[in-house]
Amino acid sequence: MSAGKVIARATVVIAVINLVSRLLGFVREMVIAEQFGATGVTDAYLVAYTIPYVLMSVLGMALATVVVPIFSEYESRGQRKEAWQLFGTVTNLTALIFIIITIIGIFSTPLLVKLLAPGIKDRETVLLAQELTRLMFPILVFMGLSTLFNGLLNANNIFAVPSFSVVASNIVVIISTLTLGEIMGVYGLAIGTVLGMVVAALIQLPALYRSGFRFRFSLDWSHPDVRKVMSLMLPVALGVSVNQAYIIVDRILASGLAAGSISALNFSNRLILLPIGLFVMAIGTAFYPTLTRQAVDPSSGDMAATLRRAFRIVVMMSVPSAVGLMVLRYPIIKLLFERGEFDARATEMTAYALLFFSIGLVGQAANVILTRGFYALQDTRTPVRLTVVTIIINLVLSLILIGPLQHGGLALANSIAALANTAMLSWFLSRRVKNLWNWKMVRFTLQVLLASGIMALAVRFVNIYAHTALAGYGTLGLAAQVTVSVLAGAGVFVLAAVVLRIEEAFLIFSYGKRFLASRTR
């Protein structure tokens, strides 16, 4: 099968599973919002979850990133068996390191909570955050292993199983919140979060076994390529840790604002992550193995063409998504979250943050593709340096904007910093990959902005009309209002893209047509 067909098929598979995962993720957030609202209890849970999550992101994501190019390098030399032996050792070392960190973290919980949320003054909320942190710290081990397994399966062009692991995790959390949450309160949610991560790791083991992975106890630090894995992952880990400063800065600064500010930022950010998780991560994951092979000779033009194609598709999907979230932020949040403990005040706070987060959506989306371009070249240092600059920009803007805009200022600072990072990544990547950008990109960007502007006007008109016509039908009417507005916006954008002759619109139509044709045979 050609590389183009592999990418197209993988993108569709990942996108479909990610759609299910994101929908379940929103069901999970809706259940949490209904049970606990945007309150101090939810803030405590999010603080407790953030601590192991940040640590996992630093180490687990770094490992998953370096797995693909190293495994591909072994495979290109016909050393598949040796590759599995190497990553068997890496898996053992990963588990051991995460277990040690978990034990240390459990005993250091009061200090960690104080560092992450120094602005929380309510003693009960602080104590609850500490208890939940101790309860949830073991997710670090299973999240880290799940992320490593994800990278190993992707290196073997297996995308469905690791994507489905997130679906399984969400299902476990939803069931636990509805059952254990009713009995044990937020402690039931914490236990369900741990169980979800255990399932996410274990569900990938059968696919790993079929691919050639065999467990054997080995902690051979002296293996030369174990050292290579570690040397490559350390800059990535530093970059990811610096990148996680976005979350840390938001948590620290928001902890000193009105109760529920951390929750409002979290719920609005979940909405921003929907298009990124659905489309962007699917595209980035599907394109990455091809990029690693093309990176052997970046001057050939193939890598530049692949990056341009991925970047354009991401921009064409993320810009209208951001515009749509801006226009429909209130009805979407009311539909998804406003019930139970999540009241009108929580909706107002979340919509306020979503408006500012939406500005940077295209930057967050584009950065996924651009960063993977560097990683494919086994350049893990440049993104780190640029991310450090980005975090400084984010921190300075957060301190400036938090006064006049409160938690909305934190969201706006995040967006501006993400766009600045996009500009820097684009500039430095173009120096490594020749002929990466051209004037067609400027024309394309203007076309997408114009199509999105036309879509925004149509969505606003349809939303106002639908709200008036369906106002008396409660939740069902609100669901119809949002559905009609979204469909109208999608239809108008597609029509505008066709009229403006945006190439990627026709490419997506072609992929979709081929996919449907292959399923009807």
Protein backbone atom coordinates (compact mmCIF):
# COMPACT_ATOMS: atom_id res chain seq x y z
CA MET A 1 0.00 0.00 0.00
CA SER A 2 1.36 3.48 -0.87
CA ALA A 3 2.31 5.95 1.86
CA GLY A 4 -0.53 8.26 0.83
CA LYS A 5 -3.12 5.50 1.21
CA VAL A 6 -1.68 4.42 4.57
CA ILE A 7 -1.86 8.01 5.82
CA ALA A 8 -5.37 8.52 4.48
CA ARG A 9 -6.67 5.29 5.98
CA ALA A 10 -4.91 5.84 9.29
CA THR A 11 -6.23 9.41 9.51
CA VAL A 12 -9.81 8.25 8.93
CA VAL A 13 -9.52 5.39 11.45
CA ILE A 14 -7.99 7.63 14.12
CA ALA A 15 -10.47 10.42 13.44
CA VAL A 16 -13.47 8.08 13.77
CA ILE A 17 -12.23 6.55 17.03
CA ASN A 18 -11.20 9.96 18.34
CA LEU A 19 -14.70 11.22 17.55
CA VAL A 20 -16.13 8.50 19.77
CA SER A 21 -13.49 9.21 22.40
CA ARG A 22 -14.11 12.95 22.42
CA LEU A 23 -17.86 12.47 22.59
CA LEU A 24 -17.38 10.17 25.56
CA GLY A 25 -14.92 12.68 26.99
CA PHE A 26 -17.65 15.29 26.87
CA VAL A 27 -20.10 12.88 28.44
CA ARG A 28 -17.50 12.41 31.18
CA GLU A 29 -17.15 16.18 31.66
CA MET A 30 -20.94 16.59 31.61
CA VAL A 31 -21.34 13.95 34.31
CA ILE A 32 -18.60 15.55 36.44
CA ALA A 33 -20.12 19.01 35.93
CA GLU A 34 -23.58 17.78 36.89
CA GLN A 35 -22.31 15.97 39.99
CA PHE A 36 -19.89 18.60 41.30
CA GLY A 37 -20.33 21.82 39.23
CA ALA A 38 -17.68 24.55 38.93
CA THR A 39 -16.97 24.57 42.68
CA GLY A 40 -14.15 24.20 45.16
CA VAL A 41 -14.67 20.42 45.17
CA THR A 42 -14.06 20.26 41.41
CA ASP A 43 -11.10 22.61 41.77
CA ALA A 44 -9.60 20.21 44.37
CA TYR A 45 -10.05 17.23 42.03
CA LEU A 46 -8.44 19.09 39.13
CA VAL A 47 -5.47 20.15 41.27
CA ALA A 48 -5.02 16.54 42.44
CA TYR A 49 -5.29 15.20 38.88
CA THR A 50 -2.89 17.80 37.48
CA ILE A 51 0.08 16.72 39.60
CA PRO A 52 0.50 13.13 38.27
CA TYR A 53 -0.76 14.20 34.82
CA VAL A 54 2.00 16.78 34.43
CA LEU A 55 4.65 14.28 35.55
CA MET A 56 3.30 11.68 33.12
CA SER A 57 3.29 14.20 30.28
CA VAL A 58 6.91 15.04 30.94
CA LEU A 59 8.21 11.45 30.90
CA GLY A 60 5.53 9.39 29.14
CA MET A 61 5.01 11.72 26.20
CA ALA A 62 8.75 12.10 25.74
CA LEU A 63 9.16 8.32 25.53
CA ALA A 64 6.24 7.93 23.12
CA THR A 65 7.73 10.61 20.87
CA VAL A 66 11.19 9.04 20.53
CA VAL A 67 9.81 5.50 20.10
CA VAL A 68 8.65 5.96 16.50
CA PRO A 69 11.91 7.20 14.89
CA ILE A 70 14.10 4.72 16.83
CA PHE A 71 11.84 1.75 16.12
CA SER A 72 11.68 2.80 12.43
CA GLU A 73 15.47 2.99 12.36
CA TYR A 74 15.76 -0.59 13.68
CA GLU A 75 13.12 -1.82 11.23
CA SER A 76 14.89 -0.21 8.28
CA ARG A 77 17.96 -2.30 9.20
CA GLY A 78 15.91 -5.51 9.45
CA GLN A 79 16.37 -5.66 13.22
CA ARG A 80 12.77 -5.90 14.35
CA LYS A 81 13.51 -8.52 17.02
CA GLU A 82 16.29 -6.38 18.48
CA ALA A 83 13.92 -3.40 18.54
CA TRP A 84 11.42 -5.31 20.67
CA GLN A 85 14.19 -6.43 23.02
CA LEU A 86 15.30 -2.82 23.43
CA PHE A 87 11.82 -1.51 24.18
CA GLY A 88 11.12 -4.41 26.51
CA THR A 89 13.95 -3.09 28.65
CA VAL A 90 12.68 0.49 28.22
CA THR A 91 9.22 -0.61 29.39
CA ASN A 92 10.63 -2.17 32.56
CA LEU A 93 12.70 0.89 33.32
CA THR A 94 9.70 3.13 32.69
CA ALA A 95 7.53 1.19 35.14
CA LEU A 96 10.26 1.19 37.80
CA ILE A 97 10.94 4.93 37.50
CA PHE A 98 7.24 5.81 37.63
CA ILE A 99 6.69 3.59 40.70
CA ILE A 100 9.55 5.31 42.54
CA ILE A 101 8.20 8.77 41.59
CA THR A 102 4.71 7.72 42.74
CA ILE A 103 5.97 6.67 46.17
CA ILE A 104 7.90 9.93 46.58
CA GLY A 105 4.89 11.92 45.34
CA ILE A 106 2.48 10.35 47.82
CA PHE A 107 4.71 11.34 50.74
CA SER A 108 5.25 14.84 49.29
CA THR A 109 1.57 15.59 48.66
CA PRO A 110 1.13 18.59 51.05
CA LEU A 111 4.11 20.37 49.49
CA LEU A 112 2.98 19.60 45.91
CA VAL A 113 -0.56 20.89 46.51
CA LYS A 114 0.78 24.04 48.14
CA LEU A 115 3.10 24.68 45.18
CA LEU A 116 0.42 24.08 42.56
CA ALA A 117 -2.48 25.92 44.24
CA PRO A 118 -1.03 28.47 46.66
CA GLY A 119 -4.04 30.78 46.26
CA ILE A 120 -6.62 28.37 47.69
CA LYS A 121 -7.41 29.71 51.16
CA ASP A 122 -10.23 27.37 52.17
CA ARG A 123 -8.63 24.74 54.41
CA GLU A 124 -11.22 22.07 53.57
CA THR A 125 -10.49 22.45 49.85
CA VAL A 126 -6.73 22.19 50.49
CA LEU A 127 -7.13 19.05 52.62
CA LEU A 128 -9.46 17.51 50.02
CA ALA A 129 -6.92 18.21 47.26
CA GLN A 130 -4.22 16.50 49.34
CA GLU A 131 -6.34 13.40 49.97
CA LEU A 132 -7.32 13.13 46.31
CA THR A 133 -3.71 13.56 45.22
CA ARG A 134 -2.59 10.61 47.36
CA LEU A 135 -5.45 8.55 45.99
CA MET A 136 -4.77 9.36 42.34
CA PHE A 137 -0.96 9.46 42.23
CA PRO A 138 -0.74 5.78 41.07
CA ILE A 139 -2.30 6.81 37.75
CA LEU A 140 1.18 8.07 36.89
CA VAL A 141 2.39 4.49 36.41
CA PHE A 142 -0.50 3.40 34.20
CA MET A 143 -0.72 6.65 32.23
CA GLY A 144 3.00 6.44 31.51
CA LEU A 145 2.86 2.82 30.36
CA SER A 146 -0.26 3.48 28.28
CA THR A 147 1.45 6.37 26.51
CA LEU A 148 4.58 4.27 25.85
CA PHE A 149 2.46 1.41 24.48
CA ASN A 150 0.70 3.95 22.27
CA GLY A 151 4.00 5.00 20.72
CA LEU A 152 5.12 1.39 20.17
CA LEU A 153 1.87 0.48 18.42
CA ASN A 154 2.00 3.61 16.25
CA ALA A 155 5.56 2.70 15.26
CA ASN A 156 4.08 -0.54 13.93
CA ASN A 157 1.34 1.35 12.02
CA ILE A 158 -1.31 0.20 14.52
CA PHE A 159 -3.50 3.20 15.33
CA ALA A 160 -6.95 1.90 16.24
CA VAL A 161 -6.09 0.09 19.48
CA PRO A 162 -4.18 2.95 21.18
CA SER A 163 -6.91 5.38 20.13
CA PHE A 164 -9.57 3.06 21.54
CA SER A 165 -7.74 2.84 24.87
CA VAL A 166 -8.85 6.41 25.56
CA VAL A 167 -12.44 5.42 24.76
CA ALA A 168 -12.25 2.58 27.28
CA SER A 169 -10.78 4.89 29.93
CA ASN A 170 -13.57 7.42 29.46
CA ILE A 171 -16.23 4.71 29.77
CA VAL A 172 -14.74 3.54 33.08
CA VAL A 173 -14.63 7.10 34.47
CA ILE A 174 -18.23 7.78 33.41
CA ILE A 175 -19.54 4.58 35.00
CA SER A 176 -17.52 5.18 38.16
CA THR A 177 -18.76 8.76 38.50
CA LEU A 178 -22.38 7.68 38.14
CA THR A 179 -22.00 4.78 40.58
CA LEU A 180 -19.10 5.33 43.00
CA GLY A 181 -19.60 9.10 42.75
CA GLU A 182 -23.13 8.79 44.08
CA ILE A 183 -21.92 6.70 47.03
CA MET A 184 -18.53 8.24 47.82
CA GLY A 185 -18.74 11.71 46.28
CA VAL A 186 -15.60 13.07 44.62
CA TYR A 187 -13.59 10.15 46.04
CA GLY A 188 -15.58 7.86 43.75
CA LEU A 189 -14.57 10.04 40.79
CA ALA A 190 -10.91 9.79 41.88
CA ILE A 191 -11.07 5.99 42.13
CA GLY A 192 -12.75 5.82 38.71
CA THR A 193 -9.96 7.96 37.22
CA VAL A 194 -7.35 5.48 38.48
CA LEU A 195 -9.32 2.49 37.18
CA GLY A 196 -9.72 4.18 33.80
CA MET A 197 -5.96 4.54 33.39
CA VAL A 198 -5.39 0.92 34.41
CA VAL A 199 -7.79 -0.20 31.68
CA ALA A 200 -6.17 2.14 29.12
CA ALA A 201 -2.79 0.43 29.66
CA LEU A 202 -3.96 -3.18 29.85
CA ILE A 203 -6.21 -3.02 26.79
CA GLN A 204 -3.18 -2.41 24.54
CA LEU A 205 -1.24 -5.50 25.67
CA PRO A 206 -2.86 -8.03 23.27
CA ALA A 207 -2.03 -5.87 20.24
CA LEU A 208 1.52 -5.39 21.50
CA TYR A 209 1.89 -9.15 21.89
CA ARG A 210 0.67 -9.79 18.33
CA SER A 211 3.17 -7.22 17.05
CA GLY A 212 6.10 -9.07 18.62
CA PHE A 213 6.42 -7.59 22.11
CA ARG A 214 7.42 -10.16 24.76
CA PHE A 215 7.84 -9.39 28.43
CA ARG A 216 11.11 -10.31 30.03
CA PHE A 217 12.57 -8.81 33.17
CA SER A 218 15.57 -6.76 32.15
CA LEU A 219 16.99 -3.52 33.52
CA ASP A 220 20.06 -3.32 31.28
CA TRP A 221 21.11 0.32 31.61
CA SER A 222 24.31 -0.49 29.71
CA HIS A 223 22.52 -1.20 26.40
CA PRO A 224 23.82 1.54 24.04
CA ASP A 225 20.40 2.28 22.56
CA VAL A 226 18.77 2.49 25.99
CA ARG A 227 21.15 5.38 26.50
CA LYS A 228 20.18 6.73 23.07
CA VAL A 229 16.49 6.60 24.00
CA MET A 230 17.23 8.47 27.21
CA SER A 231 19.46 11.03 25.50
CA LEU A 232 16.77 11.75 22.90
CA MET A 233 13.91 11.83 25.38
CA LEU A 234 15.56 14.19 27.83
CA PRO A 235 15.28 17.26 25.56
CA VAL A 236 11.72 16.22 24.66
CA ALA A 237 10.92 15.76 28.35
CA LEU A 238 12.31 19.20 29.07
CA GLY A 239 10.24 20.63 26.24
CA VAL A 240 7.10 18.87 27.41
CA SER A 241 7.73 19.92 31.02
CA VAL A 242 8.15 23.50 29.92
CA ASN A 243 5.01 23.15 27.82
CA GLN A 244 3.13 21.85 30.87
CA ALA A 245 3.95 25.18 32.47
CA TYR A 246 0.84 26.44 30.67
CA ILE A 247 -1.26 24.25 32.95
CA ILE A 248 0.84 24.99 36.02
CA VAL A 249 0.74 28.77 35.48
CA ASP A 250 -3.04 28.67 34.99
CA ARG A 251 -3.58 26.53 38.09
CA ILE A 252 -1.32 28.67 40.32
CA LEU A 253 -2.72 32.03 39.21
CA ALA A 254 -6.35 30.87 38.97
CA SER A 255 -6.19 29.42 42.50
CA GLY A 256 -6.17 33.01 43.80
CA LEU A 257 -9.29 34.02 41.84
CA ALA A 258 -12.97 33.36 42.53
CA ALA A 259 -13.95 29.79 43.39
CA GLY A 260 -14.63 27.83 40.23
CA SER A 261 -12.07 29.68 38.09
CA ILE A 262 -9.88 26.58 37.74
CA SER A 263 -12.94 24.55 36.76
CA ALA A 264 -14.10 27.17 34.23
CA LEU A 265 -10.68 27.15 32.58
CA ASN A 266 -10.71 23.35 32.53
CA PHE A 267 -14.19 22.98 31.00
CA SER A 268 -13.54 25.65 28.33
CA ASN A 269 -10.18 24.13 27.49
CA ARG A 270 -11.91 20.75 27.01
CA LEU A 271 -14.00 22.35 24.28
CA ILE A 272 -10.86 23.72 22.60
CA LEU A 273 -9.26 20.29 22.75
CA LEU A 274 -12.20 18.73 20.89
CA PRO A 275 -11.12 19.74 17.34
CA ILE A 276 -7.46 19.24 18.28
CA GLY A 277 -8.08 15.74 19.58
CA LEU A 278 -10.49 14.82 16.81
CA PHE A 279 -8.68 16.11 13.73
CA VAL A 280 -5.23 17.44 14.55
CA MET A 281 -3.91 14.55 16.64
CA ALA A 282 -5.29 12.11 14.06
CA ILE A 283 -3.48 13.91 11.25
CA GLY A 284 -0.27 14.31 13.26
CA THR A 285 -0.25 10.66 14.31
CA ALA A 286 -0.97 9.38 10.80
CA PHE A 287 1.62 11.62 9.12
CA TYR A 288 4.39 11.09 11.67
CA PRO A 289 5.74 7.67 10.54
CA THR A 290 5.88 8.96 6.94
CA LEU A 291 7.69 12.10 8.08
CA THR A 292 10.31 10.05 9.94
CA ARG A 293 11.08 8.12 6.74
CA GLN A 294 11.20 11.26 4.58
CA ALA A 295 13.42 13.02 7.13
CA VAL A 296 16.32 10.83 6.01
CA ASP A 297 16.61 13.21 3.02
CA PRO A 298 14.78 16.45 3.87
CA SER A 299 16.23 18.17 0.80
CA SER A 300 14.29 15.90 -1.58
CA GLY A 301 11.13 17.97 -1.23
CA ASP A 302 8.97 15.07 -0.06
CA MET A 303 9.09 16.06 3.60
CA ALA A 304 8.29 19.69 2.80
CA ALA A 305 5.28 18.61 0.73
CA THR A 306 4.00 16.32 3.49
CA LEU A 307 4.38 19.02 6.15
CA ARG A 308 2.65 21.60 3.98
CA ARG A 309 -0.24 19.24 3.30
CA ALA A 310 -0.67 18.38 6.99
CA PHE A 311 -0.37 22.02 8.02
CA ARG A 312 -2.95 23.20 5.48
CA ILE A 313 -5.45 20.53 6.47
CA VAL A 314 -5.01 21.44 10.14
CA VAL A 315 -5.50 25.16 9.47
CA MET A 316 -8.58 24.52 7.33
CA MET A 317 -10.17 22.55 10.16
CA SER A 318 -9.05 24.59 13.17
CA VAL A 319 -9.90 28.12 12.00
CA PRO A 320 -13.62 27.50 11.36
CA SER A 321 -13.76 25.42 14.54
CA ALA A 322 -12.43 28.36 16.55
CA VAL A 323 -14.84 30.80 14.91
CA GLY A 324 -17.75 28.44 15.52
CA LEU A 325 -16.87 28.07 19.22
CA MET A 326 -16.71 31.85 19.59
CA VAL A 327 -20.13 32.42 18.07
CA LEU A 328 -21.89 29.46 19.75
CA ARG A 329 -20.05 29.46 23.09
CA TYR A 330 -23.10 30.15 25.26
CA PRO A 331 -25.58 27.63 23.78
CA ILE A 332 -22.87 24.93 23.54
CA ILE A 333 -21.83 25.30 27.19
CA LYS A 334 -25.44 25.47 28.37
CA LEU A 335 -26.27 22.32 26.41
CA LEU A 336 -23.25 20.33 27.55
CA PHE A 337 -22.82 21.40 31.15
CA GLU A 338 -25.60 23.52 32.66
CA ARG A 339 -27.46 21.07 34.87
CA GLY A 340 -27.22 19.84 38.44
CA GLU A 341 -24.48 21.71 40.31
CA PHE A 342 -23.34 23.52 37.14
CA ASP A 343 -25.39 26.74 37.25
CA ALA A 344 -25.74 29.92 35.15
CA ARG A 345 -22.74 31.48 36.91
CA ALA A 346 -20.56 28.54 35.89
CA THR A 347 -21.81 28.87 32.30
CA GLU A 348 -20.91 32.57 32.25
CA MET A 349 -17.42 31.92 33.63
CA THR A 350 -16.75 29.05 31.21
CA ALA A 351 -18.04 30.95 28.15
CA TYR A 352 -15.85 33.92 29.08
CA ALA A 353 -12.74 31.74 29.13
CA LEU A 354 -13.75 29.92 25.92
CA LEU A 355 -13.94 33.19 23.98
CA PHE A 356 -10.27 33.91 24.68
CA PHE A 357 -9.08 30.30 24.34
CA SER A 358 -10.62 30.13 20.85
CA ILE A 359 -8.25 32.83 19.57
CA GLY A 360 -5.28 30.50 19.98
CA LEU A 361 -6.87 27.27 18.76
CA VAL A 362 -5.20 27.43 15.34
CA GLY A 363 -1.83 27.99 17.01
CA GLN A 364 -2.21 24.99 19.31
CA ALA A 365 -3.29 22.86 16.36
CA ALA A 366 -0.49 23.95 14.04
CA ASN A 367 2.14 23.44 16.73
CA VAL A 368 1.35 19.71 16.87
CA ILE A 369 2.34 19.35 13.21
CA LEU A 370 5.35 21.68 13.31
CA THR A 371 6.81 20.08 16.43
CA ARG A 372 6.53 16.62 14.89
CA GLY A 373 8.49 17.94 11.91
CA PHE A 374 11.41 18.66 14.24
CA TYR A 375 11.05 15.32 16.01
CA ALA A 376 11.07 13.47 12.69
CA LEU A 377 14.45 15.12 12.05
CA GLN A 378 15.51 13.88 15.53
CA ASP A 379 15.89 17.52 16.54
CA THR A 380 14.38 17.61 20.00
CA ARG A 381 16.27 20.66 21.22
CA THR A 382 14.90 23.44 19.01
CA PRO A 383 11.27 22.97 20.10
CA VAL A 384 12.46 23.04 23.72
CA ARG A 385 14.22 26.36 23.31
CA LEU A 386 11.24 27.88 21.53
CA THR A 387 8.85 26.54 24.14
CA VAL A 388 10.89 28.19 26.89
CA VAL A 389 10.48 31.52 25.10
CA THR A 390 6.77 30.79 24.67
CA ILE A 391 6.28 30.08 28.37
CA ILE A 392 7.99 33.35 29.28
CA ILE A 393 5.60 35.16 26.93
CA ASN A 394 2.66 33.32 28.49
CA LEU A 395 3.73 34.12 32.06
CA VAL A 396 4.35 37.82 31.38
CA LEU A 397 1.02 38.21 29.57
CA SER A 398 -0.80 36.26 32.29
CA LEU A 399 0.49 38.62 34.97
CA ILE A 400 -0.52 41.63 32.86
CA LEU A 401 -3.96 40.41 31.79
CA ILE A 402 -5.19 38.63 34.94
CA GLY A 403 -5.97 41.95 36.63
CA PRO A 404 -8.38 43.42 34.07
CA LEU A 405 -9.68 40.14 32.61
CA GLN A 406 -9.46 37.72 35.58
CA HIS A 407 -9.43 34.07 34.41
CA GLY A 408 -10.18 35.26 30.86
CA GLY A 409 -6.79 36.98 30.91
CA LEU A 410 -5.11 33.63 31.56
CA ALA A 411 -6.91 32.14 28.55
CA LEU A 412 -5.96 35.08 26.32
CA ALA A 413 -2.31 34.91 27.42
CA ASN A 414 -2.31 31.22 26.56
CA SER A 415 -3.69 31.96 23.07
CA ILE A 416 -1.24 34.73 22.25
CA ALA A 417 1.68 32.59 23.43
CA ALA A 418 0.51 29.64 21.30
CA LEU A 419 0.37 31.84 18.18
CA ALA A 420 3.83 33.22 18.95
CA ASN A 421 5.13 29.66 19.23
CA THR A 422 3.61 28.84 15.83
CA ALA A 423 5.47 31.73 14.23
CA MET A 424 8.79 30.72 15.79
CA LEU A 425 8.41 27.01 14.97
CA SER A 426 7.54 27.87 11.35
CA TRP A 427 10.57 30.09 10.97
CA PHE A 428 13.12 27.65 12.37
CA LEU A 429 11.64 24.58 10.66
CA SER A 430 11.82 26.35 7.29
CA ARG A 431 15.59 26.67 7.83
CA ARG A 432 15.87 22.87 8.19
CA VAL A 433 13.41 21.85 5.48
CA LYS A 434 13.96 23.75 2.24
CA ASN A 435 11.04 25.21 0.30
CA LEU A 436 8.69 24.51 3.18
CA TRP A 437 6.63 27.68 2.83
CA ASN A 438 5.60 29.64 -0.25
CA TRP A 439 3.21 32.40 -1.31
CA LYS A 440 0.47 29.85 -1.91
CA MET A 441 0.28 29.46 1.87
CA VAL A 442 -0.56 33.16 2.23
CA ARG A 443 -3.30 32.86 -0.38
CA PHE A 444 -4.60 29.71 1.29
CA THR A 445 -4.71 31.36 4.74
CA LEU A 446 -6.66 34.34 3.40
CA GLN A 447 -9.11 31.98 1.69
CA VAL A 448 -9.71 30.07 4.93
CA LEU A 449 -10.19 33.30 6.90
CA LEU A 450 -12.67 34.59 4.34
CA ALA A 451 -14.63 31.32 4.29
CA SER A 452 -14.67 31.30 8.11
CA GLY A 453 -15.90 34.91 8.23
CA ILE A 454 -18.78 34.09 5.89
CA MET A 455 -19.55 31.04 8.04
CA ALA A 456 -19.58 33.17 11.23
CA LEU A 457 -22.23 35.51 9.81
CA ALA A 458 -24.39 32.57 8.74
CA VAL A 459 -24.04 30.80 12.10
CA ARG A 460 -24.93 33.94 14.04
CA PHE A 461 -28.05 34.50 11.95
CA VAL A 462 -29.19 30.87 12.17
CA ASN A 463 -28.45 30.71 15.92
CA ILE A 464 -30.58 33.79 16.66
CA TYR A 465 -33.44 32.53 14.53
CA ALA A 466 -33.25 29.01 16.01
CA HIS A 467 -33.13 30.37 19.57
CA THR A 468 -36.30 32.39 18.97
CA ALA A 469 -38.11 29.49 17.32
CA LEU A 470 -37.06 26.80 19.82
CA ALA A 471 -36.88 28.74 23.10
CA GLY A 472 -39.91 27.00 24.63
CA TYR A 473 -38.69 23.42 24.14
CA GLY A 474 -36.13 23.19 26.95
CA THR A 475 -33.03 21.01 26.54
CA LEU A 476 -34.38 19.39 23.38
CA GLY A 477 -34.89 22.79 21.81
CA LEU A 478 -31.38 23.89 22.84
CA ALA A 479 -29.91 20.72 21.34
CA ALA A 480 -31.80 21.40 18.10
CA GLN A 481 -30.60 25.01 18.13
CA VAL A 482 -26.95 24.02 18.45
CA THR A 483 -27.27 21.18 15.90
CA VAL A 484 -28.94 23.37 13.27
CA SER A 485 -26.40 26.15 13.80
CA VAL A 486 -23.42 23.79 13.54
CA LEU A 487 -24.77 22.06 10.43
CA ALA A 488 -25.55 25.40 8.81
CA GLY A 489 -22.05 26.64 9.60
CA ALA A 490 -20.42 23.50 8.24
CA GLY A 491 -22.50 23.69 5.06
CA VAL A 492 -21.71 27.35 4.47
CA PHE A 493 -18.00 26.84 5.09
CA VAL A 494 -17.85 23.88 2.70
CA LEU A 495 -19.71 25.85 0.05
CA ALA A 496 -17.41 28.85 0.53
CA ALA A 497 -14.34 26.58 0.36
CA VAL A 498 -15.54 25.10 -2.92
CA VAL A 499 -16.34 28.52 -4.40
CA LEU A 500 -12.94 29.83 -3.30
CA ARG A 501 -11.37 26.64 -4.72
CA ILE A 502 -9.48 25.67 -1.57
CA GLU A 503 -7.52 22.59 -2.65
CA GLU A 504 -7.77 20.76 0.68
CA ALA A 505 -11.56 20.77 0.51
CA PHE A 506 -11.45 18.71 -2.66
CA LEU A 507 -8.75 16.44 -1.19
CA ILE A 508 -10.88 15.67 1.88
CA PHE A 509 -13.89 15.01 -0.36
CA SER A 510 -11.77 12.60 -2.38
CA TYR A 511 -10.53 10.72 0.71
CA GLY A 512 -14.06 10.54 2.10
CA LYS A 513 -15.47 9.29 -1.19
CA ARG A 514 -12.82 6.57 -1.45
CA PHE A 515 -13.39 5.53 2.16
CA LEU A 516 -17.15 5.23 1.68
CA ALA A 517 -16.68 3.37 -1.62
CA SER A 518 -14.33 0.88 0.06
CA ARG A 519 -16.94 0.19 2.74
CA THR A 520 -19.78 -0.45 0.28
CA ARG A 521 -17.94 -3.06 -1.76
